Amino acid sequence: RPGITGWAQVNGRNAISWKKKFELDVWYVDHCSF
């Protein structure tokens, strides 16, 4: 599910490139945990 916040948001948010955001998002999918 999409989130209100995410791994990309705490690692740059709007200050990083879309490509970097997508990489961080996929990393989260692979490492999701409590």
ModelCIF file with pLDDT and N, C-alpha, C, O atoms, coordinates in Angstrom:
data_MODEL
#
_entry.id   MODEL 
#
_entity.id                         1 
_entity.type                       polymer 
_entity.pdbx_number_of_molecules   1 
#
_entity_poly.entity_id                      1 
_entity_poly.type                           'polypeptide(L)' 
_entity_poly.nstd_linkage                   no 
_entity_poly.nstd_monomer                   no 
_entity_poly.pdbx_seq_one_letter_code       RPGITGWAQVNGRNAISWKKKFELDVWYVDHCSF 
_entity_poly.pdbx_seq_one_letter_code_can   RPGITGWAQVNGRNAISWKKKFELDVWYVDHCSF 
_entity_poly.pdbx_strand_id                 A 
#
loop_
_entity_poly_seq.entity_id 
_entity_poly_seq.num 
_entity_poly_seq.mon_id 
_entity_poly_seq.hetero 
1 1  ARG n 
1 2  PRO n 
1 3  GLY n 
1 4  ILE n 
1 5  THR n 
1 6  GLY n 
1 7  TRP n 
1 8  ALA n 
1 9  GLN n 
1 10 VAL n 
1 11 ASN n 
1 12 GLY n 
1 13 ARG n 
1 14 ASN n 
1 15 ALA n 
1 16 ILE n 
1 17 SER n 
1 18 TRP n 
1 19 LYS n 
1 20 LYS n 
1 21 LYS n 
1 22 PHE n 
1 23 GLU n 
1 24 LEU n 
1 25 ASP n 
1 26 VAL n 
1 27 TRP n 
1 28 TYR n 
1 29 VAL n 
1 30 ASP n 
1 31 HIS n 
1 32 CYS n 
1 33 SER n 
1 34 PHE n 
#
_struct_asym.id          A 
_struct_asym.entity_id   1 
#
loop_
_ma_qa_metric.id 
_ma_qa_metric.mode 
_ma_qa_metric.name 
_ma_qa_metric.software_group_id 
_ma_qa_metric.type 
1 global pLDDT . pLDDT 
2 local  pLDDT . pLDDT 
#
_ma_qa_metric_global.metric_id      1 
_ma_qa_metric_global.metric_value   89.88 
_ma_qa_metric_global.model_id       1 
_ma_qa_metric_global.ordinal_id     1 
#
loop_
_ma_qa_metric_local.label_asym_id 
_ma_qa_metric_local.label_comp_id 
_ma_qa_metric_local.label_seq_id 
_ma_qa_metric_local.metric_id 
_ma_qa_metric_local.metric_value 
_ma_qa_metric_local.model_id 
_ma_qa_metric_local.ordinal_id 
A ARG 1  2 95.00 1 1  
A PRO 2  2 96.00 1 2  
A GLY 3  2 97.00 1 3  
A ILE 4  2 96.00 1 4  
A THR 5  2 95.00 1 5  
A GLY 6  2 95.00 1 6  
A TRP 7  2 95.00 1 7  
A ALA 8  2 93.00 1 8  
A GLN 9  2 92.00 1 9  
A VAL 10 2 94.00 1 10 
A ASN 11 2 91.00 1 11 
A GLY 12 2 81.00 1 12 
A ARG 13 2 74.00 1 13 
A ASN 14 2 73.00 1 14 
A ALA 15 2 76.00 1 15 
A ILE 16 2 84.00 1 16 
A SER 17 2 86.00 1 17 
A TRP 18 2 85.00 1 18 
A LYS 19 2 86.00 1 19 
A LYS 20 2 90.00 1 20 
A LYS 21 2 90.00 1 21 
A PHE 22 2 90.00 1 22 
A GLU 23 2 91.00 1 23 
A LEU 24 2 94.00 1 24 
A ASP 25 2 94.00 1 25 
A VAL 26 2 92.00 1 26 
A TRP 27 2 93.00 1 27 
A TYR 28 2 94.00 1 28 
A VAL 29 2 91.00 1 29 
A ASP 30 2 88.00 1 30 
A HIS 31 2 89.00 1 31 
A CYS 32 2 91.00 1 32 
A SER 33 2 92.00 1 33 
A PHE 34 2 93.00 1 34 
#
loop_
_atom_site.group_PDB 
_atom_site.id 
_atom_site.type_symbol 
_atom_site.label_atom_id 
_atom_site.label_alt_id 
_atom_site.label_comp_id 
_atom_site.label_asym_id 
_atom_site.label_entity_id 
_atom_site.label_seq_id 
_atom_site.pdbx_PDB_ins_code 
_atom_site.Cartn_x 
_atom_site.Cartn_y 
_atom_site.Cartn_z 
_atom_site.occupancy 
_atom_site.B_iso_or_equiv 
_atom_site.pdbx_formal_charge 
_atom_site.auth_seq_id 
_atom_site.auth_comp_id 
_atom_site.auth_asym_id 
_atom_site.auth_atom_id 
_atom_site.pdbx_PDB_model_num 
ATOM 1   N N  . ARG A 1 1  ? 0.839  -1.195 0.000   1.00 95.00 ? 1  ARG A N  1 
ATOM 2   C CA . ARG A 1 1  ? 0.000  0.000  0.000   1.00 95.00 ? 1  ARG A CA 1 
ATOM 3   C C  . ARG A 1 1  ? 0.878  1.249  0.000   1.00 95.00 ? 1  ARG A C  1 
ATOM 4   O O  . ARG A 1 1  ? 1.923  1.261  0.650   1.00 95.00 ? 1  ARG A O  1 
ATOM 5   N N  . PRO A 1 2  ? 0.474  2.299  -0.716  1.00 96.00 ? 2  PRO A N  1 
ATOM 6   C CA . PRO A 1 2  ? 1.214  3.568  -0.646  1.00 96.00 ? 2  PRO A CA 1 
ATOM 7   C C  . PRO A 1 2  ? 1.085  4.162  0.747   1.00 96.00 ? 2  PRO A C  1 
ATOM 8   O O  . PRO A 1 2  ? 0.146  3.844  1.477   1.00 96.00 ? 2  PRO A O  1 
ATOM 9   N N  . GLY A 1 3  ? 2.021  5.022  1.116   1.00 97.00 ? 3  GLY A N  1 
ATOM 10  C CA . GLY A 1 3  ? 2.033  5.555  2.471   1.00 97.00 ? 3  GLY A CA 1 
ATOM 11  C C  . GLY A 1 3  ? 1.979  7.068  2.544   1.00 97.00 ? 3  GLY A C  1 
ATOM 12  O O  . GLY A 1 3  ? 2.237  7.762  1.560   1.00 97.00 ? 3  GLY A O  1 
ATOM 13  N N  . ILE A 1 4  ? 1.639  7.571  3.726   1.00 96.00 ? 4  ILE A N  1 
ATOM 14  C CA . ILE A 1 4  ? 1.679  9.009  3.980   1.00 96.00 ? 4  ILE A CA 1 
ATOM 15  C C  . ILE A 1 4  ? 3.124  9.478  4.022   1.00 96.00 ? 4  ILE A C  1 
ATOM 16  O O  . ILE A 1 4  ? 3.444  10.578 3.573   1.00 96.00 ? 4  ILE A O  1 
ATOM 17  N N  . THR A 1 5  ? 3.983  8.646  4.557   1.00 95.00 ? 5  THR A N  1 
ATOM 18  C CA . THR A 1 5  ? 5.417  8.906  4.536   1.00 95.00 ? 5  THR A CA 1 
ATOM 19  C C  . THR A 1 5  ? 6.118  7.623  4.102   1.00 95.00 ? 5  THR A C  1 
ATOM 20  O O  . THR A 1 5  ? 5.511  6.552  4.071   1.00 95.00 ? 5  THR A O  1 
ATOM 21  N N  . GLY A 1 6  ? 7.384  7.739  3.770   1.00 95.00 ? 6  GLY A N  1 
ATOM 22  C CA . GLY A 1 6  ? 8.101  6.564  3.288   1.00 95.00 ? 6  GLY A CA 1 
ATOM 23  C C  . GLY A 1 6  ? 9.608  6.721  3.372   1.00 95.00 ? 6  GLY A C  1 
ATOM 24  O O  . GLY A 1 6  ? 10.116 7.739  3.841   1.00 95.00 ? 6  GLY A O  1 
ATOM 25  N N  . TRP A 1 7  ? 10.309 5.707  2.917   1.00 95.00 ? 7  TRP A N  1 
ATOM 26  C CA . TRP A 1 7  ? 11.767 5.692  2.980   1.00 95.00 ? 7  TRP A CA 1 
ATOM 27  C C  . TRP A 1 7  ? 12.362 6.820  2.134   1.00 95.00 ? 7  TRP A C  1 
ATOM 28  O O  . TRP A 1 7  ? 13.369 7.415  2.517   1.00 95.00 ? 7  TRP A O  1 
ATOM 29  N N  . ALA A 1 8  ? 11.748 7.113  0.993   1.00 93.00 ? 8  ALA A N  1 
ATOM 30  C CA . ALA A 1 8  ? 12.244 8.210  0.147   1.00 93.00 ? 8  ALA A CA 1 
ATOM 31  C C  . ALA A 1 8  ? 12.034 9.560  0.818   1.00 93.00 ? 8  ALA A C  1 
ATOM 32  O O  . ALA A 1 8  ? 12.846 10.471 0.658   1.00 93.00 ? 8  ALA A O  1 
ATOM 33  N N  . GLN A 1 9  ? 10.935 9.689  1.575   1.00 92.00 ? 9  GLN A N  1 
ATOM 34  C CA . GLN A 1 9  ? 10.629 10.968 2.214   1.00 92.00 ? 9  GLN A CA 1 
ATOM 35  C C  . GLN A 1 9  ? 11.610 11.294 3.333   1.00 92.00 ? 9  GLN A C  1 
ATOM 36  O O  . GLN A 1 9  ? 11.898 12.467 3.569   1.00 92.00 ? 9  GLN A O  1 
ATOM 37  N N  . VAL A 1 10 ? 12.121 10.302 4.016   1.00 94.00 ? 10 VAL A N  1 
ATOM 38  C CA . VAL A 1 10 ? 13.081 10.572 5.097   1.00 94.00 ? 10 VAL A CA 1 
ATOM 39  C C  . VAL A 1 10 ? 14.511 10.556 4.592   1.00 94.00 ? 10 VAL A C  1 
ATOM 40  O O  . VAL A 1 10 ? 15.453 10.723 5.367   1.00 94.00 ? 10 VAL A O  1 
ATOM 41  N N  . ASN A 1 11 ? 14.672 10.353 3.284   1.00 91.00 ? 11 ASN A N  1 
ATOM 42  C CA . ASN A 1 11 ? 16.010 10.374 2.682   1.00 91.00 ? 11 ASN A CA 1 
ATOM 43  C C  . ASN A 1 11 ? 16.107 11.405 1.564   1.00 91.00 ? 11 ASN A C  1 
ATOM 44  O O  . ASN A 1 11 ? 16.784 11.200 0.556   1.00 91.00 ? 11 ASN A O  1 
ATOM 45  N N  . GLY A 1 12 ? 15.405 12.527 1.773   1.00 81.00 ? 12 GLY A N  1 
ATOM 46  C CA . GLY A 1 12 ? 15.518 13.594 0.799   1.00 81.00 ? 12 GLY A CA 1 
ATOM 47  C C  . GLY A 1 12 ? 14.217 14.242 0.384   1.00 81.00 ? 12 GLY A C  1 
ATOM 48  O O  . GLY A 1 12 ? 14.190 15.427 0.052   1.00 81.00 ? 12 GLY A O  1 
ATOM 49  N N  . ARG A 1 13 ? 13.127 13.469 0.400   1.00 74.00 ? 13 ARG A N  1 
ATOM 50  C CA . ARG A 1 13 ? 11.806 13.978 0.038   1.00 74.00 ? 13 ARG A CA 1 
ATOM 51  C C  . ARG A 1 13 ? 11.851 14.697 -1.309  1.00 74.00 ? 13 ARG A C  1 
ATOM 52  O O  . ARG A 1 13 ? 12.286 14.101 -2.294  1.00 74.00 ? 13 ARG A O  1 
ATOM 53  N N  . ASN A 1 14 ? 11.418 15.957 -1.386  1.00 73.00 ? 14 ASN A N  1 
ATOM 54  C CA . ASN A 1 14 ? 11.352 16.668 -2.658  1.00 73.00 ? 14 ASN A CA 1 
ATOM 55  C C  . ASN A 1 14 ? 12.699 17.200 -3.132  1.00 73.00 ? 14 ASN A C  1 
ATOM 56  O O  . ASN A 1 14 ? 12.797 17.758 -4.225  1.00 73.00 ? 14 ASN A O  1 
ATOM 57  N N  . ALA A 1 15 ? 13.740 17.029 -2.315  1.00 76.00 ? 15 ALA A N  1 
ATOM 58  C CA . ALA A 1 15 ? 15.048 17.551 -2.675  1.00 76.00 ? 15 ALA A CA 1 
ATOM 59  C C  . ALA A 1 15 ? 15.885 16.555 -3.488  1.00 76.00 ? 15 ALA A C  1 
ATOM 60  O O  . ALA A 1 15 ? 16.995 16.888 -3.901  1.00 76.00 ? 15 ALA A O  1 
ATOM 61  N N  . ILE A 1 16 ? 15.371 15.335 -3.726  1.00 84.00 ? 16 ILE A N  1 
ATOM 62  C CA . ILE A 1 16 ? 16.118 14.339 -4.496  1.00 84.00 ? 16 ILE A CA 1 
ATOM 63  C C  . ILE A 1 16 ? 15.409 14.056 -5.817  1.00 84.00 ? 16 ILE A C  1 
ATOM 64  O O  . ILE A 1 16 ? 14.247 14.421 -5.995  1.00 84.00 ? 16 ILE A O  1 
ATOM 65  N N  . SER A 1 17 ? 16.108 13.412 -6.730  1.00 86.00 ? 17 SER A N  1 
ATOM 66  C CA . SER A 1 17 ? 15.552 13.146 -8.053  1.00 86.00 ? 17 SER A CA 1 
ATOM 67  C C  . SER A 1 17 ? 14.481 12.065 -7.989  1.00 86.00 ? 17 SER A C  1 
ATOM 68  O O  . SER A 1 17 ? 14.427 11.284 -7.039  1.00 86.00 ? 17 SER A O  1 
ATOM 69  N N  . TRP A 1 18 ? 13.627 12.032 -9.018  1.00 85.00 ? 18 TRP A N  1 
ATOM 70  C CA . TRP A 1 18 ? 12.618 10.986 -9.104  1.00 85.00 ? 18 TRP A CA 1 
ATOM 71  C C  . TRP A 1 18 ? 13.274 9.613  -9.178  1.00 85.00 ? 18 TRP A C  1 
ATOM 72  O O  . TRP A 1 18 ? 12.803 8.664  -8.552  1.00 85.00 ? 18 TRP A O  1 
ATOM 73  N N  . LYS A 1 19 ? 14.347 9.504  -9.933  1.00 86.00 ? 19 LYS A N  1 
ATOM 74  C CA . LYS A 1 19 ? 15.027 8.212  -10.061 1.00 86.00 ? 19 LYS A CA 1 
ATOM 75  C C  . LYS A 1 19 ? 15.462 7.691  -8.698  1.00 86.00 ? 19 LYS A C  1 
ATOM 76  O O  . LYS A 1 19 ? 15.294 6.510  -8.397  1.00 86.00 ? 19 LYS A O  1 
ATOM 77  N N  . LYS A 1 20 ? 16.021 8.572  -7.876  1.00 90.00 ? 20 LYS A N  1 
ATOM 78  C CA . LYS A 1 20 ? 16.465 8.174  -6.540  1.00 90.00 ? 20 LYS A CA 1 
ATOM 79  C C  . LYS A 1 20 ? 15.272 7.790  -5.671  1.00 90.00 ? 20 LYS A C  1 
ATOM 80  O O  . LYS A 1 20 ? 15.349 6.833  -4.902  1.00 90.00 ? 20 LYS A O  1 
ATOM 81  N N  . LYS A 1 21 ? 14.165 8.532  -5.788  1.00 90.00 ? 21 LYS A N  1 
ATOM 82  C CA . LYS A 1 21 ? 12.964 8.197  -5.022  1.00 90.00 ? 21 LYS A CA 1 
ATOM 83  C C  . LYS A 1 21 ? 12.474 6.794  -5.363  1.00 90.00 ? 21 LYS A C  1 
ATOM 84  O O  . LYS A 1 21 ? 12.128 6.017  -4.473  1.00 90.00 ? 21 LYS A O  1 
ATOM 85  N N  . PHE A 1 22 ? 12.445 6.472  -6.660  1.00 90.00 ? 22 PHE A N  1 
ATOM 86  C CA . PHE A 1 22 ? 11.967 5.164  -7.082  1.00 90.00 ? 22 PHE A CA 1 
ATOM 87  C C  . PHE A 1 22 ? 12.874 4.052  -6.544  1.00 90.00 ? 22 PHE A C  1 
ATOM 88  O O  . PHE A 1 22 ? 12.391 2.996  -6.136  1.00 90.00 ? 22 PHE A O  1 
ATOM 89  N N  . GLU A 1 23 ? 14.178 4.291  -6.545  1.00 91.00 ? 23 GLU A N  1 
ATOM 90  C CA . GLU A 1 23 ? 15.125 3.300  -6.016  1.00 91.00 ? 23 GLU A CA 1 
ATOM 91  C C  . GLU A 1 23 ? 14.881 3.074  -4.526  1.00 91.00 ? 23 GLU A C  1 
ATOM 92  O O  . GLU A 1 23 ? 14.895 1.935  -4.059  1.00 91.00 ? 23 GLU A O  1 
ATOM 93  N N  . LEU A 1 24 ? 14.659 4.151  -3.785  1.00 94.00 ? 24 LEU A N  1 
ATOM 94  C CA . LEU A 1 24 ? 14.412 4.043  -2.349  1.00 94.00 ? 24 LEU A CA 1 
ATOM 95  C C  . LEU A 1 24 ? 13.077 3.357  -2.066  1.00 94.00 ? 24 LEU A C  1 
ATOM 96  O O  . LEU A 1 24 ? 12.955 2.603  -1.100  1.00 94.00 ? 24 LEU A O  1 
ATOM 97  N N  . ASP A 1 25 ? 12.083 3.616  -2.906  1.00 94.00 ? 25 ASP A N  1 
ATOM 98  C CA . ASP A 1 25 ? 10.777 2.976  -2.735  1.00 94.00 ? 25 ASP A CA 1 
ATOM 99  C C  . ASP A 1 25 ? 10.871 1.460  -2.904  1.00 94.00 ? 25 ASP A C  1 
ATOM 100 O O  . ASP A 1 25 ? 10.297 0.705  -2.120  1.00 94.00 ? 25 ASP A O  1 
ATOM 101 N N  . VAL A 1 26 ? 11.595 1.023  -3.928  1.00 92.00 ? 26 VAL A N  1 
ATOM 102 C CA . VAL A 1 26 ? 11.751 -0.413 -4.163  1.00 92.00 ? 26 VAL A CA 1 
ATOM 103 C C  . VAL A 1 26 ? 12.558 -1.043 -3.029  1.00 92.00 ? 26 VAL A C  1 
ATOM 104 O O  . VAL A 1 26 ? 12.281 -2.171 -2.619  1.00 92.00 ? 26 VAL A O  1 
ATOM 105 N N  . TRP A 1 27 ? 13.546 -0.322 -2.526  1.00 93.00 ? 27 TRP A N  1 
ATOM 106 C CA . TRP A 1 27 ? 14.323 -0.829 -1.384  1.00 93.00 ? 27 TRP A CA 1 
ATOM 107 C C  . TRP A 1 27 ? 13.387 -1.060 -0.202  1.00 93.00 ? 27 TRP A C  1 
ATOM 108 O O  . TRP A 1 27 ? 13.504 -2.068 0.494   1.00 93.00 ? 27 TRP A O  1 
ATOM 109 N N  . TYR A 1 28 ? 12.462 -0.133 0.027   1.00 94.00 ? 28 TYR A N  1 
ATOM 110 C CA . TYR A 1 28 ? 11.516 -0.303 1.131   1.00 94.00 ? 28 TYR A CA 1 
ATOM 111 C C  . TYR A 1 28 ? 10.650 -1.546 0.929   1.00 94.00 ? 28 TYR A C  1 
ATOM 112 O O  . TYR A 1 28 ? 10.431 -2.311 1.869   1.00 94.00 ? 28 TYR A O  1 
ATOM 113 N N  . VAL A 1 29 ? 10.164 -1.746 -0.285  1.00 91.00 ? 29 VAL A N  1 
ATOM 114 C CA . VAL A 1 29 ? 9.327  -2.919 -0.573  1.00 91.00 ? 29 VAL A CA 1 
ATOM 115 C C  . VAL A 1 29 ? 10.073 -4.203 -0.204  1.00 91.00 ? 29 VAL A C  1 
ATOM 116 O O  . VAL A 1 29 ? 9.477  -5.140 0.327   1.00 91.00 ? 29 VAL A O  1 
ATOM 117 N N  . ASP A 1 30 ? 11.358 -4.240 -0.484  1.00 88.00 ? 30 ASP A N  1 
ATOM 118 C CA . ASP A 1 30 ? 12.153 -5.435 -0.210  1.00 88.00 ? 30 ASP A CA 1 
ATOM 119 C C  . ASP A 1 30 ? 12.533 -5.599 1.256   1.00 88.00 ? 30 ASP A C  1 
ATOM 120 O O  . ASP A 1 30 ? 12.894 -6.697 1.679   1.00 88.00 ? 30 ASP A O  1 
ATOM 121 N N  . HIS A 1 31 ? 12.457 -4.525 2.037   1.00 89.00 ? 31 HIS A N  1 
ATOM 122 C CA . HIS A 1 31 ? 12.928 -4.573 3.426   1.00 89.00 ? 31 HIS A CA 1 
ATOM 123 C C  . HIS A 1 31 ? 11.870 -4.174 4.446   1.00 89.00 ? 31 HIS A C  1 
ATOM 124 O O  . HIS A 1 31 ? 12.194 -3.925 5.607   1.00 89.00 ? 31 HIS A O  1 
ATOM 125 N N  . CYS A 1 32 ? 10.619 -4.110 4.028   1.00 91.00 ? 32 CYS A N  1 
ATOM 126 C CA . CYS A 1 32 ? 9.530  -3.684 4.914   1.00 91.00 ? 32 CYS A CA 1 
ATOM 127 C C  . CYS A 1 32 ? 9.505  -4.502 6.207   1.00 91.00 ? 32 CYS A C  1 
ATOM 128 O O  . CYS A 1 32 ? 9.527  -5.732 6.177   1.00 91.00 ? 32 CYS A O  1 
ATOM 129 N N  . SER A 1 33 ? 9.458  -3.805 7.332   1.00 92.00 ? 33 SER A N  1 
ATOM 130 C CA . SER A 1 33 ? 9.387  -4.471 8.632   1.00 92.00 ? 33 SER A CA 1 
ATOM 131 C C  . SER A 1 33 ? 8.827  -3.492 9.655   1.00 92.00 ? 33 SER A C  1 
ATOM 132 O O  . SER A 1 33 ? 8.771  -2.287 9.406   1.00 92.00 ? 33 SER A O  1 
ATOM 133 N N  . PHE A 1 34 ? 8.413  -4.013 10.805  1.00 93.00 ? 34 PHE A N  1 
ATOM 134 C CA . PHE A 1 34 ? 7.873  -3.178 11.866  1.00 93.00 ? 34 PHE A CA 1 
ATOM 135 C C  . PHE A 1 34 ? 8.914  -2.188 12.367  1.00 93.00 ? 34 PHE A C  1 
ATOM 136 O O  . PHE A 1 34 ? 8.631  -1.398 13.268  1.00 93.00 ? 34 PHE A O  1 
#
